N, C-alpha and C. Protein backbone atom coordinates (compact mmCIF):
# COMPACT_ATOMS: atom_id res chain seq x y z
N MET A 1 89.68 54.38 144.77
CA MET A 1 90.34 53.49 145.71
C MET A 1 90.03 53.94 147.14
N PRO A 2 89.45 53.06 147.96
CA PRO A 2 89.12 53.45 149.33
C PRO A 2 90.36 53.65 150.18
N THR A 3 90.25 54.51 151.19
CA THR A 3 91.34 54.80 152.11
C THR A 3 90.95 54.34 153.51
N HIS A 4 91.84 53.57 154.13
CA HIS A 4 91.59 53.02 155.46
C HIS A 4 92.66 53.51 156.42
N VAL A 5 92.26 54.04 157.55
CA VAL A 5 93.18 54.41 158.63
C VAL A 5 93.15 53.27 159.64
N ILE A 6 94.33 52.75 159.98
CA ILE A 6 94.41 51.52 160.78
C ILE A 6 95.36 51.72 161.95
N THR A 7 94.92 51.35 163.14
CA THR A 7 95.82 51.26 164.29
C THR A 7 96.15 49.79 164.53
N GLY A 8 97.33 49.53 165.11
CA GLY A 8 97.71 48.16 165.42
C GLY A 8 98.15 47.34 164.23
N ALA A 9 98.68 48.02 163.19
CA ALA A 9 99.05 47.31 161.96
C ALA A 9 100.36 46.54 162.07
N GLY A 10 101.04 46.62 163.19
CA GLY A 10 102.36 46.02 163.31
C GLY A 10 102.36 44.52 163.51
N SER A 11 101.26 43.95 163.98
CA SER A 11 101.25 42.51 164.25
C SER A 11 99.82 42.03 164.36
N GLY A 12 99.67 40.71 164.44
CA GLY A 12 98.37 40.11 164.73
C GLY A 12 97.28 40.50 163.75
N ILE A 13 96.11 40.80 164.28
CA ILE A 13 94.94 41.10 163.46
C ILE A 13 95.20 42.33 162.59
N GLY A 14 95.79 43.36 163.16
CA GLY A 14 96.04 44.59 162.41
C GLY A 14 96.93 44.37 161.21
N ALA A 15 97.97 43.58 161.37
CA ALA A 15 98.87 43.29 160.26
C ALA A 15 98.15 42.48 159.18
N ALA A 16 97.33 41.51 159.61
CA ALA A 16 96.60 40.67 158.65
C ALA A 16 95.62 41.51 157.84
N VAL A 17 94.89 42.41 158.50
CA VAL A 17 93.94 43.27 157.79
C VAL A 17 94.67 44.19 156.82
N THR A 18 95.77 44.76 157.26
CA THR A 18 96.53 45.67 156.40
C THR A 18 97.02 44.95 155.15
N ARG A 19 97.53 43.74 155.29
CA ARG A 19 97.98 42.96 154.12
C ARG A 19 96.82 42.72 153.16
N ARG A 20 95.66 42.38 153.70
CA ARG A 20 94.49 42.12 152.84
C ARG A 20 94.14 43.36 152.02
N LEU A 21 94.07 44.50 152.69
CA LEU A 21 93.61 45.72 152.02
C LEU A 21 94.65 46.22 151.02
N LEU A 22 95.91 46.17 151.39
CA LEU A 22 96.96 46.57 150.45
C LEU A 22 97.00 45.62 149.25
N GLY A 23 96.80 44.34 149.51
CA GLY A 23 96.87 43.35 148.45
C GLY A 23 95.82 43.52 147.37
N ARG A 24 94.73 44.15 147.69
CA ARG A 24 93.69 44.36 146.68
C ARG A 24 93.70 45.79 146.13
N GLY A 25 94.73 46.56 146.51
CA GLY A 25 94.92 47.87 145.92
C GLY A 25 94.34 49.03 146.69
N ASP A 26 93.81 48.79 147.89
CA ASP A 26 93.28 49.89 148.70
C ASP A 26 94.43 50.71 149.28
N GLU A 27 94.14 51.94 149.64
CA GLU A 27 95.13 52.80 150.28
C GLU A 27 95.01 52.65 151.79
N THR A 28 96.14 52.46 152.46
CA THR A 28 96.13 52.33 153.92
C THR A 28 97.00 53.41 154.54
N VAL A 29 96.52 53.94 155.65
CA VAL A 29 97.24 54.94 156.44
C VAL A 29 97.39 54.33 157.83
N LEU A 30 98.61 54.06 158.22
CA LEU A 30 98.88 53.31 159.44
C LEU A 30 99.33 54.25 160.55
N MET A 31 98.70 54.13 161.71
CA MET A 31 99.08 54.94 162.86
C MET A 31 100.30 54.31 163.54
N ALA A 32 101.31 55.16 163.82
CA ALA A 32 102.54 54.71 164.48
C ALA A 32 102.79 55.58 165.70
N ARG A 33 103.34 54.98 166.75
CA ARG A 33 103.51 55.74 167.99
C ARG A 33 104.62 56.78 167.90
N ASP A 34 105.62 56.54 167.01
CA ASP A 34 106.71 57.50 166.85
C ASP A 34 107.33 57.31 165.47
N ALA A 35 108.30 58.15 165.14
CA ALA A 35 108.89 58.11 163.80
C ALA A 35 109.60 56.79 163.54
N GLY A 36 110.26 56.23 164.55
CA GLY A 36 110.93 54.96 164.38
C GLY A 36 109.96 53.84 164.05
N ARG A 37 108.84 53.83 164.75
CA ARG A 37 107.83 52.81 164.48
C ARG A 37 107.21 53.03 163.10
N ALA A 38 107.07 54.27 162.68
CA ALA A 38 106.53 54.56 161.35
C ALA A 38 107.41 53.95 160.27
N LYS A 39 108.73 54.04 160.44
CA LYS A 39 109.65 53.44 159.47
C LYS A 39 109.50 51.92 159.45
N GLU A 40 109.34 51.32 160.62
CA GLU A 40 109.16 49.87 160.70
C GLU A 40 107.87 49.43 159.99
N LEU A 41 106.79 50.19 160.20
CA LEU A 41 105.52 49.84 159.56
C LEU A 41 105.60 50.01 158.05
N ALA A 42 106.29 51.06 157.61
CA ALA A 42 106.44 51.27 156.17
C ALA A 42 107.22 50.14 155.53
N ALA A 43 108.22 49.61 156.24
CA ALA A 43 109.00 48.49 155.72
C ALA A 43 108.19 47.20 155.75
N LEU A 44 107.35 47.04 156.77
CA LEU A 44 106.53 45.83 156.90
C LEU A 44 105.41 45.80 155.87
N HIS A 45 104.89 46.98 155.54
CA HIS A 45 103.76 47.07 154.61
C HIS A 45 104.10 48.05 153.49
N PRO A 46 104.89 47.62 152.50
CA PRO A 46 105.27 48.51 151.40
C PRO A 46 104.03 49.07 150.69
N GLY A 47 104.07 50.36 150.46
CA GLY A 47 102.95 51.03 149.81
C GLY A 47 102.01 51.73 150.75
N ALA A 48 102.13 51.43 152.05
CA ALA A 48 101.27 52.08 153.04
C ALA A 48 101.83 53.44 153.43
N ARG A 49 100.94 54.35 153.75
CA ARG A 49 101.33 55.63 154.34
C ARG A 49 101.30 55.50 155.86
N THR A 50 101.96 56.43 156.54
CA THR A 50 101.95 56.40 158.00
C THR A 50 101.61 57.78 158.56
N LEU A 51 101.02 57.78 159.73
CA LEU A 51 100.82 58.97 160.55
C LEU A 51 101.35 58.66 161.94
N VAL A 52 101.99 59.63 162.56
CA VAL A 52 102.57 59.44 163.88
C VAL A 52 101.65 60.03 164.95
N GLY A 53 101.27 59.20 165.89
CA GLY A 53 100.46 59.63 167.02
C GLY A 53 100.46 58.55 168.08
N ASP A 54 100.81 58.91 169.29
CA ASP A 54 100.97 57.94 170.37
C ASP A 54 99.63 57.69 171.05
N LEU A 55 99.10 56.49 170.91
CA LEU A 55 97.80 56.16 171.50
C LEU A 55 97.84 56.13 173.02
N SER A 56 99.03 55.99 173.58
CA SER A 56 99.13 55.98 175.04
C SER A 56 99.00 57.39 175.63
N ASN A 57 99.03 58.40 174.76
CA ASN A 57 98.92 59.79 175.19
C ASN A 57 97.86 60.49 174.34
N PRO A 58 96.58 60.14 174.53
CA PRO A 58 95.54 60.68 173.65
C PRO A 58 95.40 62.19 173.72
N ASP A 59 95.82 62.81 174.81
CA ASP A 59 95.74 64.27 174.91
C ASP A 59 96.58 64.97 173.85
N ARG A 60 97.57 64.27 173.31
CA ARG A 60 98.48 64.87 172.34
C ARG A 60 98.16 64.50 170.90
N LEU A 61 97.16 63.67 170.69
CA LEU A 61 96.87 63.20 169.33
C LEU A 61 96.45 64.34 168.41
N SER A 62 95.62 65.24 168.89
CA SER A 62 95.16 66.35 168.06
C SER A 62 96.34 67.20 167.60
N TRP A 63 97.24 67.52 168.53
CA TRP A 63 98.42 68.31 168.18
C TRP A 63 99.29 67.56 167.18
N ALA A 64 99.53 66.26 167.43
CA ALA A 64 100.41 65.47 166.57
C ALA A 64 99.88 65.41 165.14
N LEU A 65 98.60 65.15 164.99
CA LEU A 65 98.04 65.02 163.65
C LEU A 65 97.95 66.36 162.93
N ALA A 66 97.86 67.43 163.69
CA ALA A 66 97.81 68.76 163.07
C ALA A 66 99.13 69.13 162.41
N GLN A 67 100.21 68.44 162.77
CA GLN A 67 101.53 68.72 162.19
C GLN A 67 101.78 67.91 160.92
N GLN A 68 100.82 67.06 160.51
CA GLN A 68 101.03 66.14 159.41
C GLN A 68 99.91 66.29 158.36
N ALA A 69 100.18 65.76 157.19
CA ALA A 69 99.19 65.81 156.11
C ALA A 69 98.15 64.72 156.33
N MET A 70 96.93 65.12 156.61
CA MET A 70 95.85 64.17 156.87
C MET A 70 95.18 63.77 155.56
N PRO A 71 94.69 62.55 155.46
CA PRO A 71 93.94 62.17 154.26
C PRO A 71 92.66 62.99 154.16
N GLU A 72 92.30 63.40 152.94
CA GLU A 72 91.11 64.22 152.75
C GLU A 72 89.83 63.39 152.87
N ARG A 73 89.94 62.11 152.61
CA ARG A 73 88.78 61.22 152.65
C ARG A 73 89.19 59.96 153.41
N VAL A 74 88.33 59.49 154.30
CA VAL A 74 88.58 58.25 155.03
C VAL A 74 87.36 57.36 154.88
N ASP A 75 87.54 56.22 154.20
CA ASP A 75 86.43 55.29 154.01
C ASP A 75 86.24 54.36 155.19
N SER A 76 87.32 54.09 155.91
CA SER A 76 87.15 53.32 157.15
C SER A 76 88.24 53.69 158.13
N LEU A 77 87.85 53.69 159.39
CA LEU A 77 88.78 53.88 160.51
C LEU A 77 88.72 52.61 161.33
N LEU A 78 89.83 51.89 161.36
CA LEU A 78 89.88 50.56 161.98
C LEU A 78 90.69 50.63 163.26
N HIS A 79 90.01 50.53 164.38
CA HIS A 79 90.67 50.57 165.70
C HIS A 79 91.03 49.14 166.09
N ILE A 80 92.28 48.75 165.85
CA ILE A 80 92.69 47.37 166.11
C ILE A 80 93.74 47.28 167.22
N ALA A 81 94.47 48.36 167.46
CA ALA A 81 95.50 48.35 168.50
C ALA A 81 94.89 48.12 169.88
N GLY A 82 95.66 47.51 170.76
CA GLY A 82 95.21 47.31 172.13
C GLY A 82 96.35 46.89 173.03
N VAL A 83 96.18 47.14 174.32
CA VAL A 83 97.18 46.73 175.31
C VAL A 83 96.45 46.02 176.45
N VAL A 84 97.20 45.20 177.18
CA VAL A 84 96.60 44.47 178.29
C VAL A 84 97.61 44.34 179.43
N GLU A 85 97.11 44.47 180.64
CA GLU A 85 97.91 44.23 181.83
C GLU A 85 96.98 43.61 182.87
N LEU A 86 97.17 42.32 183.12
CA LEU A 86 96.30 41.62 184.05
C LEU A 86 96.66 41.94 185.49
N GLY A 87 95.72 41.73 186.37
CA GLY A 87 95.97 41.93 187.79
C GLY A 87 94.67 42.03 188.56
N GLN A 88 94.71 41.67 189.81
CA GLN A 88 93.52 41.77 190.65
C GLN A 88 93.26 43.23 191.00
N VAL A 89 91.99 43.52 191.25
CA VAL A 89 91.61 44.89 191.58
C VAL A 89 92.42 45.41 192.77
N GLY A 90 92.69 44.54 193.72
CA GLY A 90 93.44 44.95 194.90
C GLY A 90 94.90 45.25 194.63
N ASP A 91 95.38 44.90 193.44
CA ASP A 91 96.79 45.09 193.11
C ASP A 91 97.03 46.12 192.01
N LEU A 92 96.03 46.36 191.16
CA LEU A 92 96.23 47.26 190.03
C LEU A 92 96.35 48.71 190.50
N THR A 93 97.37 49.39 190.01
CA THR A 93 97.60 50.78 190.36
C THR A 93 96.89 51.71 189.36
N PRO A 94 96.72 52.98 189.70
CA PRO A 94 96.17 53.92 188.72
C PRO A 94 96.95 53.93 187.41
N LYS A 95 98.27 53.74 187.48
CA LYS A 95 99.08 53.71 186.26
C LYS A 95 98.63 52.59 185.33
N ALA A 96 98.35 51.41 185.89
CA ALA A 96 97.89 50.29 185.08
C ALA A 96 96.52 50.57 184.48
N TRP A 97 95.65 51.20 185.25
CA TRP A 97 94.33 51.56 184.74
C TRP A 97 94.44 52.58 183.61
N HIS A 98 95.22 53.64 183.82
CA HIS A 98 95.36 54.67 182.79
C HIS A 98 96.01 54.11 181.53
N PHE A 99 96.98 53.22 181.70
CA PHE A 99 97.67 52.61 180.56
C PHE A 99 96.67 51.94 179.62
N GLN A 100 95.75 51.18 180.20
CA GLN A 100 94.80 50.43 179.37
C GLN A 100 93.63 51.29 178.92
N LEU A 101 93.13 52.14 179.78
CA LEU A 101 92.01 53.00 179.39
C LEU A 101 92.42 53.99 178.31
N ASN A 102 93.62 54.54 178.41
CA ASN A 102 94.07 55.49 177.40
C ASN A 102 94.18 54.85 176.03
N ALA A 103 94.89 53.73 175.96
CA ALA A 103 95.16 53.10 174.66
C ALA A 103 93.92 52.41 174.09
N ASN A 104 93.11 51.79 174.95
CA ASN A 104 92.01 50.96 174.48
C ASN A 104 90.69 51.70 174.33
N LEU A 105 90.55 52.85 174.98
CA LEU A 105 89.27 53.55 174.96
C LEU A 105 89.39 55.04 174.61
N VAL A 106 90.21 55.77 175.35
CA VAL A 106 90.26 57.22 175.14
C VAL A 106 90.87 57.55 173.78
N ALA A 107 91.96 56.85 173.41
CA ALA A 107 92.58 57.11 172.10
C ALA A 107 91.64 56.78 170.94
N PRO A 108 90.93 55.64 170.94
CA PRO A 108 89.97 55.41 169.87
C PRO A 108 88.88 56.50 169.79
N ALA A 109 88.42 56.95 170.96
CA ALA A 109 87.42 58.03 170.95
C ALA A 109 87.98 59.29 170.33
N GLU A 110 89.21 59.64 170.69
CA GLU A 110 89.82 60.87 170.18
C GLU A 110 90.13 60.75 168.69
N LEU A 111 90.67 59.62 168.25
CA LEU A 111 90.93 59.44 166.82
C LEU A 111 89.63 59.51 166.02
N THR A 112 88.58 58.91 166.55
CA THR A 112 87.30 58.98 165.86
C THR A 112 86.84 60.42 165.73
N ARG A 113 86.96 61.18 166.80
CA ARG A 113 86.58 62.60 166.75
C ARG A 113 87.37 63.34 165.68
N LEU A 114 88.66 63.08 165.62
CA LEU A 114 89.52 63.81 164.70
C LEU A 114 89.27 63.43 163.24
N PHE A 115 88.85 62.19 163.00
CA PHE A 115 88.63 61.74 161.62
C PHE A 115 87.16 61.81 161.19
N LEU A 116 86.27 62.23 162.07
CA LEU A 116 84.85 62.26 161.71
C LEU A 116 84.55 63.14 160.49
N PRO A 117 85.18 64.30 160.33
CA PRO A 117 84.87 65.08 159.13
C PRO A 117 85.14 64.31 157.84
N GLN A 118 86.27 63.61 157.77
CA GLN A 118 86.60 62.83 156.56
C GLN A 118 85.67 61.62 156.42
N LEU A 119 85.30 61.00 157.53
CA LEU A 119 84.39 59.86 157.50
C LEU A 119 83.00 60.28 157.03
N ARG A 120 82.57 61.45 157.44
CA ARG A 120 81.25 61.93 157.01
C ARG A 120 81.23 62.20 155.51
N VAL A 121 82.30 62.77 154.99
CA VAL A 121 82.38 63.04 153.55
C VAL A 121 82.24 61.74 152.77
N ALA A 122 82.90 60.69 153.25
CA ALA A 122 82.91 59.41 152.55
C ALA A 122 81.74 58.50 152.91
N GLN A 123 80.91 58.94 153.89
CA GLN A 123 79.92 58.03 154.47
C GLN A 123 80.61 56.71 154.82
N GLY A 124 81.63 56.85 155.65
CA GLY A 124 82.55 55.76 155.90
C GLY A 124 82.12 54.80 157.00
N HIS A 125 83.09 54.05 157.48
CA HIS A 125 82.86 52.93 158.39
C HIS A 125 83.86 53.04 159.53
N VAL A 126 83.38 52.98 160.77
CA VAL A 126 84.25 52.92 161.94
C VAL A 126 84.13 51.53 162.53
N LEU A 127 85.24 50.83 162.61
CA LEU A 127 85.22 49.45 163.12
C LEU A 127 86.13 49.34 164.33
N PHE A 128 85.57 48.84 165.41
CA PHE A 128 86.31 48.65 166.66
C PHE A 128 86.57 47.16 166.87
N VAL A 129 87.83 46.77 166.95
CA VAL A 129 88.13 45.41 167.37
C VAL A 129 88.11 45.39 168.88
N ASN A 130 87.06 44.84 169.42
CA ASN A 130 86.85 44.79 170.86
C ASN A 130 87.47 43.49 171.39
N SER A 131 86.75 42.74 172.18
CA SER A 131 87.27 41.51 172.79
C SER A 131 86.11 40.80 173.45
N GLY A 132 86.27 39.51 173.66
CA GLY A 132 85.30 38.82 174.49
C GLY A 132 85.19 39.46 175.87
N ALA A 133 86.29 40.07 176.32
CA ALA A 133 86.29 40.76 177.61
C ALA A 133 85.45 42.02 177.59
N GLY A 134 85.04 42.46 176.39
CA GLY A 134 84.14 43.59 176.29
C GLY A 134 82.70 43.21 176.54
N LEU A 135 82.44 41.91 176.68
CA LEU A 135 81.08 41.42 176.94
C LEU A 135 80.94 40.82 178.33
N SER A 136 82.04 40.29 178.88
CA SER A 136 82.02 39.75 180.24
C SER A 136 83.42 39.82 180.81
N ALA A 137 83.51 40.03 182.11
CA ALA A 137 84.81 40.21 182.77
C ALA A 137 85.11 39.03 183.69
N SER A 138 86.35 38.58 183.64
CA SER A 138 86.81 37.50 184.51
C SER A 138 87.77 38.05 185.55
N ALA A 139 88.08 37.23 186.54
CA ALA A 139 89.04 37.62 187.57
C ALA A 139 90.36 38.01 186.93
N GLU A 140 90.96 39.08 187.41
CA GLU A 140 92.25 39.63 186.99
C GLU A 140 92.18 40.38 185.65
N TRP A 141 90.98 40.51 185.09
CA TRP A 141 90.82 41.21 183.82
C TRP A 141 90.07 42.53 183.99
N SER A 142 89.97 43.05 185.19
CA SER A 142 89.07 44.19 185.45
C SER A 142 89.41 45.41 184.61
N ALA A 143 90.66 45.85 184.59
CA ALA A 143 91.01 47.08 183.88
C ALA A 143 90.86 46.91 182.37
N TYR A 144 91.35 45.80 181.85
CA TYR A 144 91.22 45.55 180.42
C TYR A 144 89.75 45.44 180.02
N ALA A 145 88.99 44.66 180.79
CA ALA A 145 87.57 44.49 180.48
C ALA A 145 86.82 45.81 180.60
N ALA A 146 87.15 46.63 181.58
CA ALA A 146 86.50 47.93 181.72
C ALA A 146 86.76 48.79 180.49
N SER A 147 88.00 48.76 179.98
CA SER A 147 88.31 49.54 178.79
C SER A 147 87.53 49.04 177.59
N LYS A 148 87.33 47.73 177.50
CA LYS A 148 86.62 47.15 176.36
C LYS A 148 85.10 47.29 176.52
N HIS A 149 84.58 47.22 177.75
CA HIS A 149 83.17 47.53 177.95
C HIS A 149 82.90 48.99 177.54
N GLY A 150 83.82 49.87 177.90
CA GLY A 150 83.69 51.27 177.49
C GLY A 150 83.74 51.43 175.99
N LEU A 151 84.57 50.62 175.32
CA LEU A 151 84.67 50.68 173.86
C LEU A 151 83.36 50.27 173.21
N LYS A 152 82.67 49.29 173.80
CA LYS A 152 81.35 48.90 173.29
C LYS A 152 80.38 50.07 173.41
N ALA A 153 80.41 50.75 174.55
CA ALA A 153 79.52 51.90 174.75
C ALA A 153 79.83 53.01 173.75
N LEU A 154 81.12 53.24 173.51
CA LEU A 154 81.52 54.24 172.53
C LEU A 154 80.96 53.89 171.16
N ALA A 155 81.10 52.64 170.74
CA ALA A 155 80.61 52.22 169.43
C ALA A 155 79.10 52.35 169.34
N ASP A 156 78.40 51.93 170.38
CA ASP A 156 76.94 51.97 170.35
C ASP A 156 76.43 53.41 170.26
N ALA A 157 77.03 54.31 171.04
CA ALA A 157 76.62 55.71 171.00
C ALA A 157 76.95 56.34 169.66
N LEU A 158 78.14 56.06 169.14
CA LEU A 158 78.55 56.61 167.85
C LEU A 158 77.61 56.16 166.75
N ARG A 159 77.18 54.90 166.79
CA ARG A 159 76.29 54.38 165.76
C ARG A 159 74.99 55.19 165.72
N HIS A 160 74.43 55.49 166.89
CA HIS A 160 73.20 56.28 166.94
C HIS A 160 73.44 57.71 166.46
N GLU A 161 74.58 58.28 166.87
CA GLU A 161 74.85 59.68 166.55
C GLU A 161 75.11 59.91 165.06
N GLU A 162 75.78 58.96 164.42
CA GLU A 162 76.25 59.18 163.05
C GLU A 162 75.44 58.45 161.98
N HIS A 163 74.39 57.76 162.39
CA HIS A 163 73.59 57.01 161.41
C HIS A 163 73.05 57.94 160.32
N ALA A 164 72.57 59.10 160.72
CA ALA A 164 71.99 60.03 159.74
C ALA A 164 73.04 60.56 158.78
N ASN A 165 74.31 60.49 159.17
CA ASN A 165 75.41 60.94 158.30
C ASN A 165 75.93 59.82 157.40
N GLY A 166 75.30 58.64 157.48
CA GLY A 166 75.69 57.53 156.62
C GLY A 166 76.90 56.76 157.09
N ILE A 167 77.33 56.98 158.33
CA ILE A 167 78.49 56.25 158.85
C ILE A 167 78.05 54.94 159.49
N ARG A 168 78.68 53.86 159.08
CA ARG A 168 78.42 52.55 159.68
C ARG A 168 79.42 52.30 160.81
N VAL A 169 78.95 51.64 161.86
CA VAL A 169 79.79 51.37 163.03
C VAL A 169 79.67 49.89 163.39
N THR A 170 80.82 49.23 163.50
CA THR A 170 80.84 47.80 163.79
C THR A 170 81.78 47.52 164.96
N SER A 171 81.33 46.65 165.86
CA SER A 171 82.20 46.11 166.91
C SER A 171 82.44 44.64 166.63
N VAL A 172 83.71 44.23 166.64
CA VAL A 172 84.08 42.82 166.47
C VAL A 172 84.64 42.33 167.79
N TYR A 173 84.15 41.19 168.25
CA TYR A 173 84.55 40.65 169.54
C TYR A 173 85.28 39.32 169.34
N PRO A 174 86.58 39.36 169.07
CA PRO A 174 87.31 38.09 168.89
C PRO A 174 87.56 37.41 170.24
N GLY A 175 87.53 36.07 170.21
CA GLY A 175 88.06 35.33 171.34
C GLY A 175 89.58 35.35 171.27
N ARG A 176 90.21 34.51 172.03
CA ARG A 176 91.67 34.52 172.07
C ARG A 176 92.25 34.24 170.68
N THR A 177 93.12 35.13 170.25
CA THR A 177 93.69 35.09 168.91
C THR A 177 95.20 34.97 169.00
N ALA A 178 95.80 34.12 168.18
CA ALA A 178 97.25 33.92 168.19
C ALA A 178 97.95 35.22 167.79
N SER A 179 98.68 35.81 168.71
CA SER A 179 99.31 37.11 168.48
C SER A 179 100.32 37.38 169.57
N PRO A 180 101.20 38.36 169.39
CA PRO A 180 102.12 38.73 170.47
C PRO A 180 101.39 39.11 171.75
N MET A 181 100.21 39.77 171.63
CA MET A 181 99.45 40.10 172.84
C MET A 181 99.02 38.84 173.58
N GLN A 182 98.58 37.84 172.84
CA GLN A 182 98.15 36.60 173.48
C GLN A 182 99.32 35.90 174.16
N ALA A 183 100.50 35.97 173.55
CA ALA A 183 101.69 35.40 174.19
C ALA A 183 101.98 36.11 175.50
N LYS A 184 101.80 37.45 175.51
CA LYS A 184 102.01 38.22 176.74
C LYS A 184 100.99 37.84 177.80
N VAL A 185 99.74 37.66 177.39
CA VAL A 185 98.69 37.27 178.34
C VAL A 185 99.03 35.94 178.98
N HIS A 186 99.46 34.97 178.18
CA HIS A 186 99.83 33.67 178.73
C HIS A 186 100.99 33.79 179.71
N GLN A 187 101.93 34.66 179.38
CA GLN A 187 103.05 34.88 180.29
C GLN A 187 102.56 35.44 181.61
N GLN A 188 101.64 36.39 181.55
CA GLN A 188 101.10 36.97 182.78
C GLN A 188 100.28 35.96 183.57
N GLU A 189 99.62 35.05 182.83
CA GLU A 189 98.83 34.02 183.50
C GLU A 189 99.69 32.86 184.00
N GLY A 190 100.96 32.84 183.60
CA GLY A 190 101.83 31.73 183.99
C GLY A 190 101.51 30.45 183.26
N LYS A 191 101.01 30.56 182.02
CA LYS A 191 100.62 29.39 181.25
C LYS A 191 101.51 29.25 180.02
N GLU A 192 101.63 28.04 179.52
CA GLU A 192 102.38 27.79 178.29
C GLU A 192 101.55 28.27 177.10
N TYR A 193 102.19 28.95 176.17
CA TYR A 193 101.49 29.50 175.01
C TYR A 193 101.63 28.57 173.82
N ASP A 194 100.49 28.15 173.28
CA ASP A 194 100.45 27.31 172.08
C ASP A 194 99.55 28.02 171.07
N ALA A 195 100.16 28.67 170.09
CA ALA A 195 99.40 29.47 169.14
C ALA A 195 98.36 28.66 168.37
N SER A 196 98.62 27.36 168.19
CA SER A 196 97.71 26.53 167.40
C SER A 196 96.35 26.34 168.08
N ARG A 197 96.25 26.67 169.35
CA ARG A 197 94.99 26.50 170.07
C ARG A 197 94.03 27.66 169.83
N TRP A 198 94.53 28.75 169.27
CA TRP A 198 93.73 29.96 169.23
C TRP A 198 93.42 30.38 167.79
N ILE A 199 92.57 31.39 167.64
CA ILE A 199 92.14 31.84 166.32
C ILE A 199 93.32 32.40 165.55
N ASP A 200 93.41 32.05 164.28
CA ASP A 200 94.41 32.65 163.40
C ASP A 200 93.99 34.09 163.10
N PRO A 201 94.91 35.07 163.22
CA PRO A 201 94.56 36.45 162.90
C PRO A 201 93.94 36.61 161.52
N GLU A 202 94.33 35.76 160.57
CA GLU A 202 93.77 35.84 159.23
C GLU A 202 92.26 35.56 159.23
N SER A 203 91.81 34.72 160.15
CA SER A 203 90.38 34.42 160.23
C SER A 203 89.61 35.63 160.72
N VAL A 204 90.16 36.36 161.70
CA VAL A 204 89.51 37.58 162.18
C VAL A 204 89.55 38.63 161.08
N ALA A 205 90.66 38.70 160.35
CA ALA A 205 90.76 39.65 159.24
C ALA A 205 89.67 39.39 158.21
N THR A 206 89.36 38.13 157.97
CA THR A 206 88.30 37.79 157.02
C THR A 206 86.97 38.39 157.45
N THR A 207 86.66 38.29 158.75
CA THR A 207 85.38 38.83 159.24
C THR A 207 85.37 40.36 159.14
N ILE A 208 86.50 41.00 159.39
CA ILE A 208 86.58 42.46 159.33
C ILE A 208 86.37 42.95 157.90
N VAL A 209 87.05 42.32 156.96
CA VAL A 209 86.92 42.72 155.56
C VAL A 209 85.49 42.47 155.07
N MET A 210 84.89 41.37 155.53
CA MET A 210 83.49 41.10 155.18
C MET A 210 82.59 42.24 155.63
N ALA A 211 82.77 42.70 156.87
CA ALA A 211 81.94 43.79 157.38
C ALA A 211 82.15 45.07 156.58
N LEU A 212 83.40 45.33 156.18
CA LEU A 212 83.69 46.53 155.39
C LEU A 212 83.06 46.45 154.01
N ASP A 213 83.05 45.27 153.43
CA ASP A 213 82.59 45.10 152.05
C ASP A 213 81.09 44.89 151.91
N LEU A 214 80.39 44.78 153.02
CA LEU A 214 78.96 44.54 152.96
C LEU A 214 78.27 45.66 152.18
N PRO A 215 77.36 45.33 151.27
CA PRO A 215 76.65 46.38 150.52
C PRO A 215 75.98 47.39 151.45
N ARG A 216 75.75 48.58 150.93
CA ARG A 216 75.27 49.69 151.74
C ARG A 216 73.86 49.49 152.28
N ASP A 217 73.13 48.49 151.79
CA ASP A 217 71.78 48.28 152.30
C ASP A 217 71.78 47.55 153.64
N ALA A 218 72.96 47.18 154.14
CA ALA A 218 73.04 46.43 155.39
C ALA A 218 74.25 46.89 156.19
N GLU A 219 74.22 46.58 157.48
CA GLU A 219 75.30 46.98 158.39
C GLU A 219 75.48 45.92 159.46
N VAL A 220 76.70 45.49 159.68
CA VAL A 220 77.00 44.59 160.78
C VAL A 220 77.28 45.45 162.01
N ASN A 221 76.44 45.33 163.03
CA ASN A 221 76.65 46.09 164.26
C ASN A 221 77.64 45.40 165.20
N ASP A 222 77.40 44.13 165.47
CA ASP A 222 78.21 43.38 166.43
C ASP A 222 78.51 42.00 165.85
N LEU A 223 79.78 41.60 165.96
CA LEU A 223 80.22 40.34 165.37
C LEU A 223 81.14 39.63 166.35
N THR A 224 80.73 38.46 166.81
CA THR A 224 81.51 37.69 167.77
C THR A 224 82.22 36.56 167.05
N VAL A 225 83.51 36.40 167.32
CA VAL A 225 84.33 35.36 166.68
C VAL A 225 84.98 34.54 167.79
N ARG A 226 84.79 33.25 167.78
CA ARG A 226 85.31 32.38 168.83
C ARG A 226 86.21 31.29 168.25
N PRO A 227 87.18 30.78 169.04
CA PRO A 227 88.01 29.69 168.54
C PRO A 227 87.17 28.50 168.12
N GLY A 228 87.52 27.91 166.98
CA GLY A 228 86.74 26.80 166.45
C GLY A 228 87.20 25.44 166.92
N ARG A 229 88.33 25.43 167.63
CA ARG A 229 88.87 24.14 168.09
C ARG A 229 88.42 23.84 169.51
């Protein structure tokens, strides 16, 4: 039974992927920011294991995980969690930049480093849920887009570094997806949120599971998903 470590399992794409993998009998290990959130995730996804580590404080992830029982084998590491705070360059403070860079870029890099030994044993898969903003930046999206452009660079470099170890690396670039994050974005933009206009998280989950299940003779490097309406 494959083991998947997943961030962002509490809602949206992460929750949809977790349900898919648990439903077919895979083992899931869900990252939670604190013990209270770990209990919530365990209740939301019965049968899943949890690890506590705050992605907003990547400097402490190594210490936090060292206090817990780590899985001996990791078949996939799925970086799905993300945060966003819109604003013009002239208005964004260092706090806003650090908030997004830490959670969206530095924490995925650190988690990947910490799980690489288990991923190498399994010849596993590292999958980054990026964003359309990781390919082009719009006004008021500078910090978020910078974090996602950096995430693309991280994935590309990791793919070259770990290819000889049998590790596959995939970046998925969803367009706007119906989720609590998207509701927050609309609030920040001052727009009315209509979930029916955007991609269903289940559709993105389908593309992620497809990439994971692809036979070993092939690898999906980059996958762009856009609203079909």
